[in-house]
N, C-alpha and C. Protein backbone atom coordinates (compact mmCIF):
# COMPACT_ATOMS: atom_id res chain seq x y z
N MET A 1 -94.06 1.66 119.19
CA MET A 1 -92.89 1.03 119.75
C MET A 1 -93.21 -0.43 120.04
N THR A 2 -92.23 -1.28 119.80
CA THR A 2 -92.40 -2.72 120.01
C THR A 2 -91.41 -3.20 121.07
N LEU A 3 -91.60 -4.44 121.48
CA LEU A 3 -90.66 -5.05 122.43
C LEU A 3 -89.26 -5.10 121.82
N GLN A 4 -89.17 -5.39 120.54
CA GLN A 4 -87.87 -5.42 119.88
C GLN A 4 -87.20 -4.05 119.90
N ASP A 5 -87.97 -3.00 119.68
CA ASP A 5 -87.43 -1.64 119.78
C ASP A 5 -86.88 -1.37 121.18
N LEU A 6 -87.62 -1.80 122.17
CA LEU A 6 -87.21 -1.62 123.55
C LEU A 6 -85.92 -2.38 123.84
N LYS A 7 -85.82 -3.59 123.34
CA LYS A 7 -84.62 -4.40 123.54
C LYS A 7 -83.40 -3.78 122.86
N SER A 8 -83.61 -3.12 121.75
CA SER A 8 -82.48 -2.55 121.01
C SER A 8 -81.98 -1.22 121.59
N MET A 9 -82.72 -0.64 122.52
CA MET A 9 -82.28 0.60 123.16
C MET A 9 -81.04 0.34 124.01
N ASP A 10 -80.24 1.38 124.20
CA ASP A 10 -79.08 1.24 125.06
C ASP A 10 -79.24 2.01 126.37
N ARG A 11 -80.45 2.44 126.66
CA ARG A 11 -80.75 3.18 127.89
C ARG A 11 -81.00 2.21 129.04
N ALA A 12 -80.58 2.57 130.23
CA ALA A 12 -80.83 1.73 131.40
C ALA A 12 -82.22 1.99 131.98
N ILE A 13 -82.71 3.19 131.78
CA ILE A 13 -83.98 3.63 132.36
C ILE A 13 -84.90 4.14 131.25
N ILE A 14 -86.19 3.81 131.36
CA ILE A 14 -87.16 4.35 130.41
C ILE A 14 -88.20 5.18 131.17
N THR A 15 -88.95 5.95 130.43
CA THR A 15 -89.98 6.80 131.02
C THR A 15 -91.34 6.10 130.97
N PRO A 16 -92.29 6.57 131.75
CA PRO A 16 -93.64 6.02 131.65
C PRO A 16 -94.23 6.18 130.24
N ALA A 17 -93.83 7.22 129.53
CA ALA A 17 -94.33 7.42 128.16
C ALA A 17 -93.90 6.29 127.25
N ILE A 18 -92.66 5.84 127.38
CA ILE A 18 -92.17 4.72 126.57
C ILE A 18 -92.88 3.43 126.96
N ALA A 19 -92.99 3.19 128.26
CA ALA A 19 -93.67 1.97 128.74
C ALA A 19 -95.13 1.96 128.30
N ALA A 20 -95.76 3.12 128.35
CA ALA A 20 -97.18 3.21 127.98
C ALA A 20 -97.40 2.89 126.50
N LYS A 21 -96.45 3.25 125.65
CA LYS A 21 -96.59 2.92 124.23
C LYS A 21 -96.63 1.41 124.03
N ILE A 22 -95.82 0.70 124.80
CA ILE A 22 -95.77 -0.75 124.67
C ILE A 22 -97.00 -1.39 125.31
N LEU A 23 -97.44 -0.85 126.44
CA LEU A 23 -98.60 -1.40 127.15
C LEU A 23 -99.92 -0.90 126.59
N ASN A 24 -99.85 0.07 125.69
CA ASN A 24 -101.04 0.65 125.08
C ASN A 24 -101.97 1.26 126.14
N CYS A 25 -101.39 2.14 126.95
CA CYS A 25 -102.17 2.82 127.98
C CYS A 25 -101.69 4.26 128.10
N ASP A 26 -102.33 5.01 128.95
CA ASP A 26 -101.95 6.39 129.20
C ASP A 26 -100.76 6.41 130.17
N PRO A 27 -99.69 7.13 129.87
CA PRO A 27 -98.54 7.18 130.78
C PRO A 27 -98.90 7.69 132.18
N GLN A 28 -99.93 8.51 132.26
CA GLN A 28 -100.33 9.02 133.57
C GLN A 28 -100.83 7.89 134.48
N TYR A 29 -101.42 6.84 133.91
CA TYR A 29 -101.85 5.70 134.72
C TYR A 29 -100.64 5.06 135.39
N ILE A 30 -99.53 4.95 134.67
CA ILE A 30 -98.32 4.36 135.23
C ILE A 30 -97.76 5.26 136.32
N ARG A 31 -97.74 6.56 136.08
CA ARG A 31 -97.22 7.50 137.08
C ARG A 31 -98.02 7.44 138.37
N VAL A 32 -99.33 7.44 138.26
CA VAL A 32 -100.20 7.41 139.44
C VAL A 32 -100.04 6.08 140.18
N ALA A 33 -100.06 4.98 139.44
CA ALA A 33 -99.91 3.66 140.07
C ALA A 33 -98.55 3.53 140.75
N ALA A 34 -97.52 4.10 140.16
CA ALA A 34 -96.17 4.03 140.73
C ALA A 34 -96.12 4.71 142.10
N ARG A 35 -96.91 5.73 142.29
CA ARG A 35 -96.94 6.44 143.57
C ARG A 35 -97.91 5.81 144.56
N GLN A 36 -99.03 5.32 144.07
CA GLN A 36 -100.08 4.85 144.98
C GLN A 36 -99.96 3.36 145.32
N CYS A 37 -99.59 2.54 144.36
CA CYS A 37 -99.53 1.09 144.59
C CYS A 37 -98.54 0.44 143.63
N PRO A 38 -97.25 0.73 143.79
CA PRO A 38 -96.25 0.23 142.84
C PRO A 38 -96.18 -1.29 142.77
N GLU A 39 -96.53 -1.97 143.86
CA GLU A 39 -96.49 -3.43 143.86
C GLU A 39 -97.49 -4.04 142.88
N GLN A 40 -98.52 -3.32 142.52
CA GLN A 40 -99.52 -3.84 141.60
C GLN A 40 -99.14 -3.67 140.13
N LEU A 41 -98.11 -2.90 139.85
CA LEU A 41 -97.70 -2.70 138.46
C LEU A 41 -97.11 -3.98 137.86
N GLY A 42 -96.36 -4.72 138.66
CA GLY A 42 -95.73 -5.92 138.14
C GLY A 42 -94.30 -5.72 137.68
N PHE A 43 -93.84 -4.50 137.68
CA PHE A 43 -92.45 -4.18 137.34
C PHE A 43 -91.99 -3.07 138.28
N PRO A 44 -90.69 -3.01 138.56
CA PRO A 44 -90.20 -2.00 139.49
C PRO A 44 -90.21 -0.60 138.89
N VAL A 45 -90.37 0.37 139.76
CA VAL A 45 -90.33 1.78 139.34
C VAL A 45 -89.43 2.55 140.29
N ILE A 46 -88.93 3.65 139.82
CA ILE A 46 -88.09 4.54 140.61
C ILE A 46 -88.78 5.90 140.64
N ILE A 47 -89.02 6.41 141.83
CA ILE A 47 -89.62 7.73 141.99
C ILE A 47 -88.51 8.68 142.44
N MET A 48 -88.28 9.73 141.67
CA MET A 48 -87.27 10.75 142.01
C MET A 48 -87.97 12.10 141.99
N GLY A 49 -88.40 12.54 143.17
CA GLY A 49 -89.15 13.79 143.23
C GLY A 49 -90.47 13.63 142.51
N THR A 50 -90.64 14.39 141.44
CA THR A 50 -91.87 14.29 140.65
C THR A 50 -91.72 13.38 139.43
N LYS A 51 -90.54 12.83 139.27
CA LYS A 51 -90.25 11.99 138.09
C LYS A 51 -90.46 10.52 138.41
N THR A 52 -90.96 9.78 137.44
CA THR A 52 -91.12 8.34 137.55
C THR A 52 -90.27 7.71 136.45
N ARG A 53 -89.44 6.77 136.82
CA ARG A 53 -88.58 6.08 135.87
C ARG A 53 -88.73 4.57 136.05
N ILE A 54 -88.44 3.83 134.99
CA ILE A 54 -88.59 2.38 134.99
C ILE A 54 -87.30 1.74 134.49
N PRO A 55 -86.73 0.80 135.24
CA PRO A 55 -85.55 0.09 134.76
C PRO A 55 -85.91 -0.72 133.50
N ARG A 56 -85.21 -0.46 132.40
CA ARG A 56 -85.55 -1.06 131.11
C ARG A 56 -85.48 -2.59 131.12
N ILE A 57 -84.39 -3.15 131.63
CA ILE A 57 -84.23 -4.60 131.61
C ILE A 57 -85.32 -5.28 132.45
N ALA A 58 -85.62 -4.72 133.60
CA ALA A 58 -86.68 -5.28 134.45
C ALA A 58 -88.03 -5.20 133.76
N PHE A 59 -88.28 -4.14 133.02
CA PHE A 59 -89.54 -3.99 132.30
C PHE A 59 -89.62 -5.03 131.18
N ILE A 60 -88.51 -5.28 130.50
CA ILE A 60 -88.48 -6.30 129.45
C ILE A 60 -88.78 -7.67 130.05
N ARG A 61 -88.18 -7.98 131.20
CA ARG A 61 -88.46 -9.26 131.86
C ARG A 61 -89.93 -9.39 132.22
N PHE A 62 -90.52 -8.29 132.70
CA PHE A 62 -91.95 -8.28 133.01
C PHE A 62 -92.77 -8.60 131.77
N LEU A 63 -92.43 -7.97 130.65
CA LEU A 63 -93.17 -8.19 129.41
C LEU A 63 -93.02 -9.63 128.91
N GLU A 64 -91.90 -10.24 129.21
CA GLU A 64 -91.66 -11.62 128.76
C GLU A 64 -92.21 -12.64 129.74
N GLY A 65 -92.89 -12.17 130.77
CA GLY A 65 -93.57 -13.10 131.66
C GLY A 65 -92.96 -13.30 133.02
N GLY A 66 -91.89 -12.59 133.33
CA GLY A 66 -91.27 -12.72 134.65
C GLY A 66 -91.28 -11.40 135.35
N TYR A 67 -91.05 -11.44 136.66
CA TYR A 67 -90.97 -10.19 137.42
C TYR A 67 -89.57 -9.64 137.23
N GLY A 68 -89.46 -8.36 136.94
CA GLY A 68 -88.19 -7.75 136.59
C GLY A 68 -87.37 -7.21 137.72
N GLU A 69 -86.88 -8.04 138.61
CA GLU A 69 -86.02 -7.55 139.68
C GLU A 69 -84.60 -7.42 139.21
């Protein structure tokens, strides 16, 4: 998956698995960091019970060099 693929999606929220493909890391690292120290990720996350979700537009802004609020 590429940044262009992410931009072309019409979803408002992405999963840690999608973000991990772009960041080239294990999705579990994102899930753990989202619970333990979300401020260090650099992009906002949403925790819903056991689920971790990431706002797509904010994640794109993060990848382009800005904080995605």
